[in-house]
Amino acid sequence: MPSWLKSSPMSPFDRPPLRVVVDTNVLVRGILSATGGSALVLEAIKRRRCVLITSRQHLSELYDVLGRSRITRKYGVTDKERRRPVGRLYAGAILVTPIGTLSLCRDPKDDYLLELALLGQATHLVTEDDDLHGDPAIRSVLRDYGVQLVHVAQFLVDLARASQPTPEE
């Protein structure tokens, strides 16, 4: 295991059942629309049914995307409406600091998502990015570290399963 992936061990009692990295596009969709799968992912994070793994850079990107002129024009997003959801995500998230040495993706901008997932010991990386889903090497690396690369719909299925009591309970 590369030294930058090592982290302090956590008790299973210290971590929620699902630790999730969510692609910026999924977060944006969930913030801009109160309905649909992306909104359900945000609701699960808000209700602490899972924990968001993120970074300051990731949340800064989210803030910047929400401020793009085409989004502010179409959805009427104000600065306050950008700050509020980003602040709420920040307050409830586990923050990690990627160092930018990972280089697996065809699009280097996607490497930070993988790094967030690996450093944060995520159970899931939720994205609709076909480049990531279509790359067997990426899927293999993530699987080796216990991270499932999933679409929004599959994450919601996994979340529902995780919420069901086990036979021992």
C-alpha atoms as a PDB file:
ATOM      1  CA  MET A   1       0.000   0.000   0.000  1.00  0.00           C
ATOM      2  CA  PRO A   2       1.428   3.417  -0.906  1.00  0.00           C
ATOM      3  CA  SER A   3       2.354   5.432   2.181  1.00  0.00           C
ATOM      4  CA  TRP A   4      -0.044   8.249   1.280  1.00  0.00           C
ATOM      5  CA  LEU A   5      -2.968   5.794   1.505  1.00  0.00           C
ATOM      6  CA  LYS A   6      -2.171   4.775   5.072  1.00  0.00           C
ATOM      7  CA  SER A   7      -4.445   6.259   7.683  1.00  0.00           C
ATOM      8  CA  SER A   8      -5.212   5.693  11.302  1.00  0.00           C
ATOM      9  CA  PRO A   9      -7.453   2.701  11.894  1.00  0.00           C
ATOM     10  CA  MET A  10     -11.026   3.367  12.889  1.00  0.00           C
ATOM     11  CA  SER A  11     -13.242   1.170  14.945  1.00  0.00           C
ATOM     12  CA  PRO A  12     -16.241  -0.162  13.002  1.00  0.00           C
ATOM     13  CA  PHE A  13     -18.335   1.572  15.671  1.00  0.00           C
ATOM     14  CA  ASP A  14     -16.794   4.941  14.746  1.00  0.00           C
ATOM     15  CA  ARG A  15     -17.892   4.942  11.145  1.00  0.00           C
ATOM     16  CA  PRO A  16     -21.329   4.981   9.575  1.00  0.00           C
ATOM     17  CA  PRO A  17     -22.057   1.988   7.395  1.00  0.00           C
ATOM     18  CA  LEU A  18     -21.500   3.936   4.161  1.00  0.00           C
ATOM     19  CA  ARG A  19     -18.715   6.433   3.529  1.00  0.00           C
ATOM     20  CA  VAL A  20     -19.246   8.126   0.210  1.00  0.00           C
ATOM     21  CA  VAL A  21     -17.409  10.358  -2.235  1.00  0.00           C
ATOM     22  CA  VAL A  22     -19.910  12.096  -4.512  1.00  0.00           C
ATOM     23  CA  ASP A  23     -18.896  13.584  -7.851  1.00  0.00           C
ATOM     24  CA  THR A  24     -19.459  17.337  -8.144  1.00  0.00           C
ATOM     25  CA  ASN A  25     -21.999  16.899 -10.956  1.00  0.00           C
ATOM     26  CA  VAL A  26     -24.157  14.686  -8.750  1.00  0.00           C
ATOM     27  CA  LEU A  27     -23.969  17.215  -5.902  1.00  0.00           C
ATOM     28  CA  VAL A  28     -24.909  20.063  -8.259  1.00  0.00           C
ATOM     29  CA  ARG A  29     -27.933  18.151  -9.571  1.00  0.00           C
ATOM     30  CA  GLY A  30     -29.040  17.364  -6.026  1.00  0.00           C
ATOM     31  CA  ILE A  31     -28.756  20.995  -4.955  1.00  0.00           C
ATOM     32  CA  LEU A  32     -30.563  22.391  -8.003  1.00  0.00           C
ATOM     33  CA  SER A  33     -33.435  19.913  -8.000  1.00  0.00           C
ATOM     34  CA  ALA A  34     -35.430  18.735  -5.002  1.00  0.00           C
ATOM     35  CA  THR A  35     -36.416  15.569  -6.845  1.00  0.00           C
ATOM     36  CA  GLY A  36     -34.505  12.701  -8.398  1.00  0.00           C
ATOM     37  CA  GLY A  37     -31.718  10.410  -7.339  1.00  0.00           C
ATOM     38  CA  SER A  38     -29.113  13.114  -6.749  1.00  0.00           C
ATOM     39  CA  ALA A  39     -31.471  14.908  -4.354  1.00  0.00           C
ATOM     40  CA  LEU A  40     -31.984  11.614  -2.491  1.00  0.00           C
ATOM     41  CA  VAL A  41     -28.215  11.217  -2.135  1.00  0.00           C
ATOM     42  CA  LEU A  42     -27.988  14.696  -0.584  1.00  0.00           C
ATOM     43  CA  GLU A  43     -30.919  13.924   1.699  1.00  0.00           C
ATOM     44  CA  ALA A  44     -29.160  10.759   2.901  1.00  0.00           C
ATOM     45  CA  ILE A  45     -26.037  12.786   3.685  1.00  0.00           C
ATOM     46  CA  LYS A  46     -28.117  15.420   5.485  1.00  0.00           C
ATOM     47  CA  ARG A  47     -29.898  12.765   7.572  1.00  0.00           C
ATOM     48  CA  ARG A  48     -26.540  11.091   8.316  1.00  0.00           C
ATOM     49  CA  ARG A  49     -27.546   7.799   6.736  1.00  0.00           C
ATOM     50  CA  CYS A  50     -24.086   7.978   5.161  1.00  0.00           C
ATOM     51  CA  VAL A  51     -21.100  10.248   5.587  1.00  0.00           C
ATOM     52  CA  LEU A  52     -19.609  12.399   2.852  1.00  0.00           C
ATOM     53  CA  ILE A  53     -15.880  12.154   2.247  1.00  0.00           C
ATOM     54  CA  THR A  54     -14.662  15.352   0.617  1.00  0.00           C
ATOM     55  CA  SER A  55     -11.972  18.021   0.610  1.00  0.00           C
ATOM     56  CA  ARG A  56     -11.808  21.791   0.669  1.00  0.00           C
ATOM     57  CA  GLN A  57     -10.840  21.689  -3.020  1.00  0.00           C
ATOM     58  CA  HIS A  58     -13.884  19.549  -3.859  1.00  0.00           C
ATOM     59  CA  LEU A  59     -16.273  21.861  -1.994  1.00  0.00           C
ATOM     60  CA  SER A  60     -14.628  24.904  -3.571  1.00  0.00           C
ATOM     61  CA  GLU A  61     -15.250  23.378  -6.994  1.00  0.00           C
ATOM     62  CA  LEU A  62     -18.899  22.815  -6.042  1.00  0.00           C
ATOM     63  CA  TYR A  63     -19.233  26.455  -4.954  1.00  0.00           C
ATOM     64  CA  ASP A  64     -17.628  27.650  -8.197  1.00  0.00           C
ATOM     65  CA  VAL A  65     -19.845  25.457 -10.394  1.00  0.00           C
ATOM     66  CA  LEU A  66     -22.978  26.709  -8.638  1.00  0.00           C
ATOM     67  CA  GLY A  67     -21.810  30.251  -9.457  1.00  0.00           C
ATOM     68  CA  ARG A  68     -21.381  29.720 -13.187  1.00  0.00           C
ATOM     69  CA  SER A  69     -23.399  32.219 -15.173  1.00  0.00           C
ATOM     70  CA  ARG A  70     -25.506  29.634 -16.991  1.00  0.00           C
ATOM     71  CA  ILE A  71     -26.533  28.116 -13.639  1.00  0.00           C
ATOM     72  CA  THR A  72     -27.221  31.429 -11.927  1.00  0.00           C
ATOM     73  CA  ARG A  73     -29.281  32.581 -14.922  1.00  0.00           C
ATOM     74  CA  LYS A  74     -31.262  29.362 -15.326  1.00  0.00           C
ATOM     75  CA  TYR A  75     -31.842  28.562 -11.645  1.00  0.00           C
ATOM     76  CA  GLY A  76     -31.507  32.021 -10.070  1.00  0.00           C
ATOM     77  CA  VAL A  77     -28.861  30.804  -7.629  1.00  0.00           C
ATOM     78  CA  THR A  78     -27.683  33.606  -5.342  1.00  0.00           C
ATOM     79  CA  ASP A  79     -24.407  33.732  -3.457  1.00  0.00           C
ATOM     80  CA  LYS A  80     -26.261  32.863  -0.247  1.00  0.00           C
ATOM     81  CA  GLU A  81     -27.881  29.889  -1.983  1.00  0.00           C
ATOM     82  CA  ARG A  82     -24.398  28.712  -3.000  1.00  0.00           C
ATOM     83  CA  ARG A  83     -22.888  29.112   0.467  1.00  0.00           C
ATOM     84  CA  ARG A  84     -25.655  27.371   2.409  1.00  0.00           C
ATOM     85  CA  PRO A  85     -25.471  23.858   0.894  1.00  0.00           C
ATOM     86  CA  VAL A  86     -21.696  23.945   0.618  1.00  0.00           C
ATOM     87  CA  GLY A  87     -21.454  24.971   4.277  1.00  0.00           C
ATOM     88  CA  ARG A  88     -23.826  22.210   5.343  1.00  0.00           C
ATOM     89  CA  LEU A  89     -21.837  19.610   3.428  1.00  0.00           C
ATOM     90  CA  TYR A  90     -18.611  20.918   4.955  1.00  0.00           C
ATOM     91  CA  ALA A  91     -20.030  20.772   8.486  1.00  0.00           C
ATOM     92  CA  GLY A  92     -21.078  17.134   8.234  1.00  0.00           C
ATOM     93  CA  ALA A  93     -18.262  15.740   6.121  1.00  0.00           C
ATOM     94  CA  ILE A  94     -15.012  13.998   6.772  1.00  0.00           C
ATOM     95  CA  LEU A  95     -12.350  16.145   5.138  1.00  0.00           C
ATOM     96  CA  VAL A  96      -9.259  14.650   3.583  1.00  0.00           C
ATOM     97  CA  THR A  97      -6.424  16.395   1.811  1.00  0.00           C
ATOM     98  CA  PRO A  98      -5.445  14.812  -1.502  1.00  0.00           C
ATOM     99  CA  ILE A  99      -1.842  15.413  -2.454  1.00  0.00           C
ATOM    100  CA  GLY A 100      -2.345  15.022  -6.173  1.00  0.00           C
ATOM    101  CA  THR A 101       0.094  12.218  -6.884  1.00  0.00           C
ATOM    102  CA  LEU A 102      -2.443   9.720  -8.206  1.00  0.00           C
ATOM    103  CA  SER A 103      -2.526   9.414 -11.986  1.00  0.00           C
ATOM    104  CA  LEU A 104      -4.912   6.747 -13.225  1.00  0.00           C
ATOM    105  CA  CYS A 105      -7.660   8.521 -15.147  1.00  0.00           C
ATOM    106  CA  ARG A 106      -7.768   9.464 -18.793  1.00  0.00           C
ATOM    107  CA  ASP A 107      -8.977  12.863 -17.578  1.00  0.00           C
ATOM    108  CA  PRO A 108      -6.506  13.970 -14.889  1.00  0.00           C
ATOM    109  CA  LYS A 109      -9.241  16.105 -13.291  1.00  0.00           C
ATOM    110  CA  ASP A 110     -10.955  12.878 -12.210  1.00  0.00           C
ATOM    111  CA  ASP A 111      -7.931  11.597 -10.276  1.00  0.00           C
ATOM    112  CA  TYR A 112      -8.876  13.700  -7.253  1.00  0.00           C
ATOM    113  CA  LEU A 113     -12.147  11.754  -6.863  1.00  0.00           C
ATOM    114  CA  LEU A 114     -10.234   8.496  -6.736  1.00  0.00           C
ATOM    115  CA  GLU A 115      -7.762   9.976  -4.289  1.00  0.00           C
ATOM    116  CA  LEU A 116     -10.600  11.222  -2.062  1.00  0.00           C
ATOM    117  CA  ALA A 117     -12.145   7.760  -2.057  1.00  0.00           C
ATOM    118  CA  LEU A 118      -8.891   5.989  -1.261  1.00  0.00           C
ATOM    119  CA  LEU A 119      -7.652   8.431   1.371  1.00  0.00           C
ATOM    120  CA  GLY A 120     -11.064   8.669   3.015  1.00  0.00           C
ATOM    121  CA  GLN A 121     -11.541   4.900   3.052  1.00  0.00           C
ATOM    122  CA  ALA A 122     -14.827   5.350   1.206  1.00  0.00           C
ATOM    123  CA  THR A 123     -17.192   2.468   0.657  1.00  0.00           C
ATOM    124  CA  HIS A 124     -18.634   4.140  -2.459  1.00  0.00           C
ATOM    125  CA  LEU A 125     -17.652   6.581  -5.170  1.00  0.00           C
ATOM    126  CA  VAL A 126     -20.871   7.916  -6.700  1.00  0.00           C
ATOM    127  CA  THR A 127     -20.540   9.323 -10.197  1.00  0.00           C
ATOM    128  CA  GLU A 128     -22.286   9.287 -13.536  1.00  0.00           C
ATOM    129  CA  ASP A 129     -18.939   9.744 -15.350  1.00  0.00           C
ATOM    130  CA  ASP A 130     -18.742   7.145 -18.128  1.00  0.00           C
ATOM    131  CA  ASP A 131     -14.953   7.497 -18.335  1.00  0.00           C
ATOM    132  CA  LEU A 132     -14.607   6.251 -14.772  1.00  0.00           C
ATOM    133  CA  HIS A 133     -17.240   3.523 -15.067  1.00  0.00           C
ATOM    134  CA  GLY A 134     -15.824   2.321 -18.366  1.00  0.00           C
ATOM    135  CA  ASP A 135     -12.222   1.932 -17.211  1.00  0.00           C
ATOM    136  CA  PRO A 136     -11.528  -1.587 -15.882  1.00  0.00           C
ATOM    137  CA  ALA A 137      -8.191  -0.542 -14.334  1.00  0.00           C
ATOM    138  CA  ILE A 138      -9.877   2.133 -12.234  1.00  0.00           C
ATOM    139  CA  ARG A 139     -12.637  -0.231 -11.171  1.00  0.00           C
ATOM    140  CA  SER A 140     -10.019  -2.805 -10.188  1.00  0.00           C
ATOM    141  CA  VAL A 141      -7.929  -0.387  -8.095  1.00  0.00           C
ATOM    142  CA  LEU A 142     -11.008   0.874  -6.281  1.00  0.00           C
ATOM    143  CA  ARG A 143     -12.290  -2.660  -5.701  1.00  0.00           C
ATOM    144  CA  ASP A 144      -8.888  -3.662  -4.269  1.00  0.00           C
ATOM    145  CA  TYR A 145      -9.333  -0.928  -1.647  1.00  0.00           C
ATOM    146  CA  GLY A 146     -12.963  -1.803  -0.911  1.00  0.00           C
ATOM    147  CA  VAL A 147     -14.492   1.097  -2.842  1.00  0.00           C
ATOM    148  CA  GLN A 148     -17.500   0.459  -5.061  1.00  0.00           C
ATOM    149  CA  LEU A 149     -17.724   2.686  -8.138  1.00  0.00           C
ATOM    150  CA  VAL A 150     -21.462   3.195  -8.608  1.00  0.00           C
ATOM    151  CA  HIS A 151     -24.088   5.257 -10.361  1.00  0.00           C
ATOM    152  CA  VAL A 152     -26.585   7.212  -8.248  1.00  0.00           C
ATOM    153  CA  ALA A 153     -29.290   4.554  -8.653  1.00  0.00           C
ATOM    154  CA  GLN A 154     -27.029   1.748  -7.402  1.00  0.00           C
ATOM    155  CA  PHE A 155     -25.889   3.831  -4.446  1.00  0.00           C
ATOM    156  CA  LEU A 156     -29.507   4.356  -3.426  1.00  0.00           C
ATOM    157  CA  VAL A 157     -30.076   0.583  -3.579  1.00  0.00           C
ATOM    158  CA  ASP A 158     -26.964  -0.013  -1.442  1.00  0.00           C
ATOM    159  CA  LEU A 159     -28.090   2.687   0.990  1.00  0.00           C
ATOM    160  CA  ALA A 160     -31.498   1.058   1.357  1.00  0.00           C
ATOM    161  CA  ARG A 161     -29.855  -2.319   1.992  1.00  0.00           C
ATOM    162  CA  ALA A 162     -27.508  -0.823   4.572  1.00  0.00           C
ATOM    163  CA  SER A 163     -30.482   0.712   6.375  1.00  0.00           C
ATOM    164  CA  GLN A 164     -32.231  -2.639   6.794  1.00  0.00           C
ATOM    165  CA  PRO A 165     -31.684  -4.394  10.121  1.00  0.00           C
ATOM    166  CA  THR A 166     -29.523  -7.501   9.982  1.00  0.00           C
ATOM    167  CA  PRO A 167     -30.936 -10.816  11.237  1.00  0.00           C
ATOM    168  CA  GLU A 168     -28.827 -10.533  14.417  1.00  0.00           C
ATOM    169  CA  GLU A 169     -30.468  -7.224  15.390  1.00  0.00           C
END
